[in-house]
Amino acid sequence: MSENGNARGALDAVFKIARAWGLSEHEEAVILGQPDHEALRAWKDGKGPEIDKETVLRMSYVLGIFRAINTLLPIPERADAWIRKPNKAPIFDGRSALDRMTDGAIEDLKIVRQYLDAEAPPLDYPNRMFGVLKGKIEISDDFDELPDDIIATMEGR
């Protein structure tokens, strides 16, 4: 898959996450760092401007945030609702994770992801798959996860 193909696939995944979280178009635009709403709509249609490196990094943070939330809260409704709930953790200061993520700076996405990664380290797929086979871990059918290698490539790891 080409680098642009990875970015387009990630963008589609981010828009699925945005729907799950009930994000407004404005919230999507701020999180993706795309102030041009016409370009954002074009991306949703599989068109639009080329996806730049900062947007790729922003998408990677969103994918990691989504994965970590769903690891910590394996019931999709609870995981999706968490993003809007006030949080007493010092990095949120009583605000929700979404409030922090929509402050506009890429650093805000990074901080939310780091917070969640500290609470739910990245998944160990072989052990996770073993758990799935034994019926100990449930995987939601309504979201196609991107493999860790795609996320790592997008982040330059």
N, C-alpha and C. Protein backbone atom coordinates (compact mmCIF):
# COMPACT_ATOMS: atom_id res chain seq x y z
N MET A 1 0.85 -1.18 0.00
CA MET A 1 0.00 0.00 0.00
C MET A 1 0.89 1.23 0.00
N SER A 2 0.54 2.21 -0.75
CA SER A 2 1.33 3.42 -0.84
C SER A 2 1.14 4.27 0.41
N GLU A 3 2.07 5.22 0.60
CA GLU A 3 1.96 6.12 1.76
C GLU A 3 0.65 6.90 1.68
N ASN A 4 0.28 7.39 0.48
CA ASN A 4 -0.96 8.13 0.32
C ASN A 4 -2.15 7.21 0.58
N GLY A 5 -2.04 5.93 0.16
CA GLY A 5 -3.11 4.97 0.44
C GLY A 5 -3.29 4.75 1.92
N ASN A 6 -2.18 4.68 2.67
CA ASN A 6 -2.25 4.56 4.12
C ASN A 6 -2.94 5.78 4.72
N ALA A 7 -2.59 6.96 4.23
CA ALA A 7 -3.17 8.20 4.75
C ALA A 7 -4.67 8.24 4.45
N ARG A 8 -5.06 7.86 3.26
CA ARG A 8 -6.50 7.86 2.91
C ARG A 8 -7.26 6.84 3.76
N GLY A 9 -6.65 5.67 3.96
CA GLY A 9 -7.29 4.66 4.82
C GLY A 9 -7.43 5.15 6.24
N ALA A 10 -6.40 5.81 6.74
CA ALA A 10 -6.45 6.36 8.09
C ALA A 10 -7.50 7.46 8.18
N LEU A 11 -7.60 8.27 7.14
CA LEU A 11 -8.60 9.35 7.13
C LEU A 11 -10.01 8.76 7.19
N ASP A 12 -10.26 7.70 6.43
CA ASP A 12 -11.56 7.04 6.49
C ASP A 12 -11.84 6.52 7.90
N ALA A 13 -10.82 5.95 8.54
CA ALA A 13 -10.97 5.45 9.90
C ALA A 13 -11.27 6.60 10.87
N VAL A 14 -10.58 7.73 10.69
CA VAL A 14 -10.81 8.88 11.57
C VAL A 14 -12.25 9.39 11.41
N PHE A 15 -12.76 9.39 10.19
CA PHE A 15 -14.15 9.83 10.00
C PHE A 15 -15.14 8.85 10.63
N LYS A 16 -14.82 7.55 10.65
CA LYS A 16 -15.67 6.58 11.35
C LYS A 16 -15.64 6.85 12.85
N ILE A 17 -14.46 7.15 13.36
CA ILE A 17 -14.33 7.48 14.78
C ILE A 17 -15.12 8.75 15.09
N ALA A 18 -15.02 9.74 14.22
CA ALA A 18 -15.76 11.00 14.42
C ALA A 18 -17.26 10.74 14.50
N ARG A 19 -17.77 9.85 13.67
CA ARG A 19 -19.19 9.49 13.74
C ARG A 19 -19.51 8.81 15.06
N ALA A 20 -18.64 7.88 15.48
CA ALA A 20 -18.87 7.17 16.75
C ALA A 20 -18.89 8.14 17.93
N TRP A 21 -18.00 9.13 17.88
CA TRP A 21 -17.93 10.12 18.96
C TRP A 21 -18.96 11.22 18.82
N GLY A 22 -19.68 11.27 17.70
CA GLY A 22 -20.68 12.31 17.48
C GLY A 22 -20.08 13.69 17.29
N LEU A 23 -18.92 13.75 16.62
CA LEU A 23 -18.25 15.04 16.42
C LEU A 23 -18.98 15.89 15.39
N SER A 24 -18.96 17.18 15.62
CA SER A 24 -19.47 18.13 14.63
C SER A 24 -18.41 18.32 13.56
N GLU A 25 -18.80 18.92 12.46
CA GLU A 25 -17.84 19.21 11.40
C GLU A 25 -16.74 20.14 11.91
N HIS A 26 -17.12 21.10 12.73
CA HIS A 26 -16.13 22.02 13.30
C HIS A 26 -15.12 21.26 14.17
N GLU A 27 -15.59 20.35 15.01
CA GLU A 27 -14.69 19.56 15.85
C GLU A 27 -13.75 18.70 15.00
N GLU A 28 -14.29 18.09 13.95
CA GLU A 28 -13.44 17.30 13.03
C GLU A 28 -12.36 18.17 12.42
N ALA A 29 -12.75 19.36 11.97
CA ALA A 29 -11.81 20.27 11.32
C ALA A 29 -10.69 20.68 12.27
N VAL A 30 -11.04 21.01 13.50
CA VAL A 30 -10.04 21.43 14.48
C VAL A 30 -9.09 20.27 14.79
N ILE A 31 -9.64 19.10 15.03
CA ILE A 31 -8.82 17.94 15.37
C ILE A 31 -7.87 17.59 14.23
N LEU A 32 -8.35 17.68 12.99
CA LEU A 32 -7.50 17.36 11.83
C LEU A 32 -6.62 18.54 11.41
N GLY A 33 -6.82 19.69 12.02
CA GLY A 33 -6.03 20.86 11.65
C GLY A 33 -6.36 21.37 10.26
N GLN A 34 -7.60 21.18 9.85
CA GLN A 34 -8.04 21.58 8.51
C GLN A 34 -9.10 22.68 8.64
N PRO A 35 -8.69 23.94 8.56
CA PRO A 35 -9.65 25.03 8.73
C PRO A 35 -10.61 25.18 7.55
N ASP A 36 -10.28 24.62 6.41
CA ASP A 36 -11.13 24.72 5.21
C ASP A 36 -12.17 23.60 5.23
N HIS A 37 -13.41 23.96 5.56
CA HIS A 37 -14.46 22.96 5.66
C HIS A 37 -14.79 22.33 4.32
N GLU A 38 -14.59 23.05 3.24
CA GLU A 38 -14.80 22.47 1.90
C GLU A 38 -13.80 21.35 1.65
N ALA A 39 -12.55 21.56 2.04
CA ALA A 39 -11.53 20.52 1.89
C ALA A 39 -11.87 19.32 2.76
N LEU A 40 -12.37 19.58 3.96
CA LEU A 40 -12.78 18.50 4.86
C LEU A 40 -13.88 17.66 4.23
N ARG A 41 -14.88 18.33 3.66
CA ARG A 41 -15.98 17.61 2.99
C ARG A 41 -15.46 16.83 1.79
N ALA A 42 -14.52 17.39 1.06
CA ALA A 42 -13.94 16.68 -0.09
C ALA A 42 -13.20 15.43 0.38
N TRP A 43 -12.48 15.53 1.49
CA TRP A 43 -11.80 14.35 2.04
C TRP A 43 -12.81 13.26 2.35
N LYS A 44 -13.97 13.65 2.89
CA LYS A 44 -15.00 12.66 3.21
C LYS A 44 -15.50 11.95 1.95
N ASP A 45 -15.42 12.63 0.83
CA ASP A 45 -15.84 12.05 -0.46
C ASP A 45 -14.69 11.34 -1.17
N GLY A 46 -13.55 11.20 -0.49
CA GLY A 46 -12.41 10.52 -1.09
C GLY A 46 -11.63 11.38 -2.05
N LYS A 47 -11.85 12.69 -1.98
CA LYS A 47 -11.15 13.64 -2.86
C LYS A 47 -10.38 14.61 -1.99
N GLY A 48 -10.26 15.81 -2.47
CA GLY A 48 -9.68 16.86 -1.65
C GLY A 48 -8.19 16.99 -1.79
N PRO A 49 -7.64 17.93 -1.02
CA PRO A 49 -6.20 18.20 -1.11
C PRO A 49 -5.38 17.03 -0.56
N GLU A 50 -4.11 17.03 -0.95
CA GLU A 50 -3.20 16.01 -0.43
C GLU A 50 -3.14 16.13 1.09
N ILE A 51 -2.97 15.02 1.73
CA ILE A 51 -2.92 14.98 3.19
C ILE A 51 -1.48 15.23 3.61
N ASP A 52 -1.27 16.34 4.33
CA ASP A 52 0.10 16.70 4.72
C ASP A 52 0.56 15.93 5.96
N LYS A 53 1.84 16.07 6.28
CA LYS A 53 2.45 15.30 7.36
C LYS A 53 1.83 15.62 8.72
N GLU A 54 1.50 16.88 8.95
CA GLU A 54 0.89 17.22 10.24
C GLU A 54 -0.46 16.55 10.39
N THR A 55 -1.25 16.52 9.32
CA THR A 55 -2.56 15.87 9.38
C THR A 55 -2.40 14.37 9.60
N VAL A 56 -1.39 13.78 8.97
CA VAL A 56 -1.11 12.35 9.18
C VAL A 56 -0.80 12.10 10.65
N LEU A 57 -0.01 12.95 11.25
CA LEU A 57 0.33 12.80 12.66
C LEU A 57 -0.91 12.98 13.53
N ARG A 58 -1.74 13.95 13.20
CA ARG A 58 -2.99 14.17 13.94
C ARG A 58 -3.88 12.93 13.85
N MET A 59 -3.97 12.35 12.66
CA MET A 59 -4.80 11.15 12.48
C MET A 59 -4.25 10.00 13.32
N SER A 60 -2.94 9.87 13.35
CA SER A 60 -2.32 8.82 14.15
C SER A 60 -2.67 8.98 15.62
N TYR A 61 -2.64 10.20 16.12
CA TYR A 61 -3.01 10.45 17.51
C TYR A 61 -4.47 10.04 17.75
N VAL A 62 -5.36 10.40 16.83
CA VAL A 62 -6.78 10.05 16.99
C VAL A 62 -6.95 8.54 17.00
N LEU A 63 -6.28 7.84 16.09
CA LEU A 63 -6.37 6.38 16.05
C LEU A 63 -5.87 5.76 17.35
N GLY A 64 -4.76 6.29 17.86
CA GLY A 64 -4.22 5.78 19.12
C GLY A 64 -5.14 6.08 20.29
N ILE A 65 -5.74 7.25 20.30
CA ILE A 65 -6.69 7.64 21.35
C ILE A 65 -7.88 6.69 21.32
N PHE A 66 -8.41 6.48 20.13
CA PHE A 66 -9.57 5.59 19.99
C PHE A 66 -9.24 4.18 20.48
N ARG A 67 -8.10 3.67 20.06
CA ARG A 67 -7.70 2.32 20.45
C ARG A 67 -7.54 2.23 21.97
N ALA A 68 -6.88 3.20 22.57
CA ALA A 68 -6.65 3.17 24.01
C ALA A 68 -7.97 3.26 24.79
N ILE A 69 -8.86 4.14 24.38
CA ILE A 69 -10.15 4.27 25.06
C ILE A 69 -10.90 2.94 25.00
N ASN A 70 -10.89 2.31 23.82
CA ASN A 70 -11.62 1.06 23.66
C ASN A 70 -10.93 -0.11 24.35
N THR A 71 -9.65 0.02 24.64
CA THR A 71 -8.96 -0.99 25.44
C THR A 71 -9.37 -0.84 26.91
N LEU A 72 -9.40 0.39 27.37
CA LEU A 72 -9.78 0.64 28.76
C LEU A 72 -11.26 0.42 29.02
N LEU A 73 -12.08 0.78 28.05
CA LEU A 73 -13.54 0.67 28.18
C LEU A 73 -14.06 -0.19 27.03
N PRO A 74 -14.07 -1.50 27.18
CA PRO A 74 -14.40 -2.38 26.06
C PRO A 74 -15.87 -2.36 25.62
N ILE A 75 -16.72 -1.64 26.30
CA ILE A 75 -18.11 -1.49 25.85
C ILE A 75 -18.15 -0.24 24.99
N PRO A 76 -18.41 -0.39 23.67
CA PRO A 76 -18.31 0.73 22.73
C PRO A 76 -19.07 2.00 23.16
N GLU A 77 -20.26 1.84 23.70
CA GLU A 77 -21.05 3.02 24.09
C GLU A 77 -20.34 3.81 25.19
N ARG A 78 -19.76 3.10 26.15
CA ARG A 78 -19.03 3.77 27.23
C ARG A 78 -17.76 4.42 26.71
N ALA A 79 -17.07 3.69 25.83
CA ALA A 79 -15.83 4.23 25.26
C ALA A 79 -16.12 5.51 24.48
N ASP A 80 -17.17 5.48 23.67
CA ASP A 80 -17.51 6.65 22.85
C ASP A 80 -17.98 7.83 23.71
N ALA A 81 -18.66 7.54 24.81
CA ALA A 81 -19.16 8.60 25.69
C ALA A 81 -18.04 9.23 26.51
N TRP A 82 -16.97 8.46 26.82
CA TRP A 82 -15.88 8.96 27.66
C TRP A 82 -15.27 10.24 27.11
N ILE A 83 -15.18 10.36 25.82
CA ILE A 83 -14.50 11.48 25.17
C ILE A 83 -15.13 12.83 25.55
N ARG A 84 -16.43 12.82 25.91
CA ARG A 84 -17.14 14.07 26.22
C ARG A 84 -17.35 14.30 27.72
N LYS A 85 -16.96 13.33 28.53
CA LYS A 85 -17.20 13.45 29.97
C LYS A 85 -16.11 14.29 30.64
N PRO A 86 -16.50 15.14 31.60
CA PRO A 86 -15.51 15.90 32.36
C PRO A 86 -14.53 14.94 33.04
N ASN A 87 -13.28 15.35 33.13
CA ASN A 87 -12.24 14.48 33.67
C ASN A 87 -11.44 15.24 34.71
N LYS A 88 -11.20 14.61 35.85
CA LYS A 88 -10.48 15.26 36.95
C LYS A 88 -8.97 15.14 36.84
N ALA A 89 -8.47 14.37 35.85
CA ALA A 89 -7.02 14.24 35.68
C ALA A 89 -6.43 15.63 35.45
N PRO A 90 -5.25 15.89 35.99
CA PRO A 90 -4.64 17.23 35.88
C PRO A 90 -4.54 17.76 34.44
N ILE A 91 -4.31 16.90 33.47
CA ILE A 91 -4.18 17.41 32.09
C ILE A 91 -5.49 17.92 31.52
N PHE A 92 -6.61 17.53 32.14
CA PHE A 92 -7.92 17.97 31.66
C PHE A 92 -8.50 19.11 32.50
N ASP A 93 -8.11 19.19 33.77
CA ASP A 93 -8.57 20.25 34.66
C ASP A 93 -10.10 20.36 34.68
N GLY A 94 -10.77 19.20 34.77
CA GLY A 94 -12.22 19.20 34.85
C GLY A 94 -12.93 19.24 33.50
N ARG A 95 -12.17 19.45 32.44
CA ARG A 95 -12.76 19.47 31.10
C ARG A 95 -12.75 18.05 30.52
N SER A 96 -13.41 17.88 29.39
CA SER A 96 -13.41 16.58 28.74
C SER A 96 -12.18 16.43 27.84
N ALA A 97 -11.90 15.19 27.47
CA ALA A 97 -10.80 14.93 26.52
C ALA A 97 -11.08 15.64 25.20
N LEU A 98 -12.34 15.66 24.78
CA LEU A 98 -12.68 16.34 23.53
C LEU A 98 -12.41 17.84 23.63
N ASP A 99 -12.72 18.43 24.78
CA ASP A 99 -12.41 19.85 24.98
C ASP A 99 -10.91 20.08 24.79
N ARG A 100 -10.11 19.21 25.36
CA ARG A 100 -8.65 19.36 25.24
C ARG A 100 -8.21 19.16 23.79
N MET A 101 -8.77 18.14 23.14
CA MET A 101 -8.39 17.84 21.76
C MET A 101 -8.79 18.93 20.78
N THR A 102 -9.83 19.68 21.10
CA THR A 102 -10.30 20.73 20.19
C THR A 102 -9.78 22.11 20.58
N ASP A 103 -8.76 22.15 21.43
CA ASP A 103 -8.09 23.43 21.68
C ASP A 103 -7.34 23.87 20.43
N GLY A 104 -7.06 22.92 19.54
CA GLY A 104 -6.49 23.26 18.24
C GLY A 104 -5.04 22.88 18.01
N ALA A 105 -4.26 22.78 19.06
CA ALA A 105 -2.84 22.47 18.89
C ALA A 105 -2.63 20.97 18.78
N ILE A 106 -1.70 20.58 17.93
CA ILE A 106 -1.39 19.16 17.78
C ILE A 106 -0.88 18.59 19.10
N GLU A 107 -0.24 19.42 19.92
CA GLU A 107 0.25 18.98 21.22
C GLU A 107 -0.88 18.50 22.13
N ASP A 108 -2.07 19.08 21.97
CA ASP A 108 -3.21 18.66 22.79
C ASP A 108 -3.60 17.22 22.46
N LEU A 109 -3.57 16.87 21.19
CA LEU A 109 -3.85 15.48 20.79
C LEU A 109 -2.78 14.55 21.35
N LYS A 110 -1.54 14.98 21.24
CA LYS A 110 -0.42 14.18 21.74
C LYS A 110 -0.55 13.93 23.23
N ILE A 111 -0.90 14.94 23.99
CA ILE A 111 -1.02 14.83 25.44
C ILE A 111 -2.14 13.86 25.82
N VAL A 112 -3.29 13.95 25.13
CA VAL A 112 -4.39 13.03 25.41
C VAL A 112 -3.97 11.61 25.08
N ARG A 113 -3.29 11.42 23.97
CA ARG A 113 -2.84 10.08 23.61
C ARG A 113 -1.83 9.54 24.63
N GLN A 114 -0.88 10.37 25.04
CA GLN A 114 0.10 9.92 26.03
C GLN A 114 -0.57 9.55 27.35
N TYR A 115 -1.54 10.33 27.75
CA TYR A 115 -2.29 10.04 28.98
C TYR A 115 -2.94 8.66 28.87
N LEU A 116 -3.62 8.42 27.75
CA LEU A 116 -4.32 7.15 27.58
C LEU A 116 -3.35 5.98 27.39
N ASP A 117 -2.26 6.22 26.67
CA ASP A 117 -1.27 5.14 26.49
C ASP A 117 -0.66 4.74 27.83
N ALA A 118 -0.54 5.69 28.75
CA ALA A 118 -0.02 5.36 30.08
C ALA A 118 -1.03 4.50 30.84
N GLU A 119 -2.31 4.72 30.57
CA GLU A 119 -3.37 3.95 31.23
C GLU A 119 -3.62 2.61 30.53
N ALA A 120 -3.45 2.59 29.20
CA ALA A 120 -3.71 1.38 28.40
C ALA A 120 -2.60 1.25 27.36
N PRO A 121 -1.48 0.62 27.72
CA PRO A 121 -0.38 0.50 26.77
C PRO A 121 -0.85 -0.14 25.46
N PRO A 122 -0.15 0.14 24.35
CA PRO A 122 -0.55 -0.43 23.06
C PRO A 122 -0.75 -1.94 23.16
N LEU A 123 -1.71 -2.40 22.39
CA LEU A 123 -2.09 -3.81 22.45
C LEU A 123 -0.99 -4.73 21.95
N ASP A 124 -0.87 -5.87 22.58
CA ASP A 124 0.03 -6.93 22.14
C ASP A 124 -0.84 -7.87 21.31
N TYR A 125 -0.80 -7.70 19.99
CA TYR A 125 -1.73 -8.43 19.12
C TYR A 125 -1.68 -9.95 19.26
N PRO A 126 -0.51 -10.60 19.33
CA PRO A 126 -0.55 -12.06 19.46
C PRO A 126 -1.29 -12.50 20.73
N ASN A 127 -1.01 -11.87 21.85
CA ASN A 127 -1.70 -12.23 23.08
C ASN A 127 -3.18 -11.85 23.01
N ARG A 128 -3.47 -10.74 22.37
CA ARG A 128 -4.85 -10.31 22.23
C ARG A 128 -5.63 -11.31 21.39
N MET A 129 -5.04 -11.73 20.27
CA MET A 129 -5.71 -12.70 19.42
C MET A 129 -5.91 -14.01 20.17
N PHE A 130 -4.96 -14.41 20.99
CA PHE A 130 -5.10 -15.62 21.79
C PHE A 130 -6.29 -15.45 22.74
N GLY A 131 -6.38 -14.29 23.35
CA GLY A 131 -7.51 -14.00 24.24
C GLY A 131 -8.84 -14.02 23.51
N VAL A 132 -8.86 -13.52 22.29
CA VAL A 132 -10.09 -13.52 21.49
C VAL A 132 -10.51 -14.95 21.22
N LEU A 133 -9.54 -15.78 20.82
CA LEU A 133 -9.84 -17.18 20.52
C LEU A 133 -10.37 -17.92 21.74
N LYS A 134 -9.91 -17.56 22.90
CA LYS A 134 -10.37 -18.21 24.13
C LYS A 134 -11.66 -17.56 24.65
N GLY A 135 -12.16 -16.56 23.94
CA GLY A 135 -13.40 -15.91 24.35
C GLY A 135 -13.25 -14.95 25.50
N LYS A 136 -12.02 -14.56 25.83
CA LYS A 136 -11.79 -13.67 26.96
C LYS A 136 -11.83 -12.20 26.57
N ILE A 137 -11.64 -11.92 25.30
CA ILE A 137 -11.62 -10.53 24.84
C ILE A 137 -12.62 -10.42 23.70
N GLU A 138 -13.44 -9.39 23.77
CA GLU A 138 -14.44 -9.17 22.73
C GLU A 138 -13.96 -8.05 21.82
N ILE A 139 -14.03 -8.27 20.51
CA ILE A 139 -13.65 -7.24 19.55
C ILE A 139 -14.92 -6.73 18.87
N SER A 140 -15.08 -5.43 18.87
CA SER A 140 -16.23 -4.82 18.23
C SER A 140 -16.20 -5.05 16.73
N ASP A 141 -17.34 -5.39 16.14
CA ASP A 141 -17.43 -5.62 14.70
C ASP A 141 -17.67 -4.34 13.92
N ASP A 142 -17.96 -3.22 14.60
CA ASP A 142 -18.36 -2.02 13.89
C ASP A 142 -17.20 -1.09 13.56
N PHE A 143 -15.97 -1.54 13.78
CA PHE A 143 -14.83 -0.69 13.44
C PHE A 143 -13.69 -1.56 12.96
N ASP A 144 -13.13 -1.21 11.82
CA ASP A 144 -11.98 -1.93 11.29
C ASP A 144 -10.73 -1.26 11.81
N GLU A 145 -10.03 -1.94 12.73
CA GLU A 145 -8.81 -1.38 13.30
C GLU A 145 -7.70 -1.38 12.26
N LEU A 146 -6.89 -0.35 12.30
CA LEU A 146 -5.70 -0.33 11.47
C LEU A 146 -4.59 -1.04 12.20
N PRO A 147 -3.84 -1.87 11.51
CA PRO A 147 -2.73 -2.56 12.18
C PRO A 147 -1.72 -1.58 12.74
N ASP A 148 -1.04 -2.02 13.79
CA ASP A 148 -0.04 -1.17 14.44
C ASP A 148 1.05 -0.73 13.48
N ASP A 149 1.40 -1.58 12.50
CA ASP A 149 2.49 -1.20 11.59
C ASP A 149 2.10 0.00 10.74
N ILE A 150 0.83 0.14 10.39
CA ILE A 150 0.39 1.31 9.61
C ILE A 150 0.50 2.56 10.48
N ILE A 151 0.04 2.47 11.73
CA ILE A 151 0.13 3.62 12.64
C ILE A 151 1.59 3.98 12.86
N ALA A 152 2.44 2.99 13.07
CA ALA A 152 3.85 3.26 13.29
C ALA A 152 4.48 3.92 12.08
N THR A 153 4.13 3.47 10.89
CA THR A 153 4.66 4.08 9.65
C THR A 153 4.21 5.53 9.55
N MET A 154 2.95 5.79 9.88
CA MET A 154 2.42 7.15 9.80
C MET A 154 3.15 8.07 10.78
N GLU A 155 3.58 7.55 11.92
CA GLU A 155 4.27 8.35 12.92
C GLU A 155 5.77 8.39 12.69
N GLY A 156 6.25 7.66 11.70
CA GLY A 156 7.67 7.65 11.40
C GLY A 156 8.48 6.79 12.33
N ARG A 157 7.84 5.80 12.98
CA ARG A 157 8.57 4.89 13.88
C ARG A 157 9.08 3.70 13.11
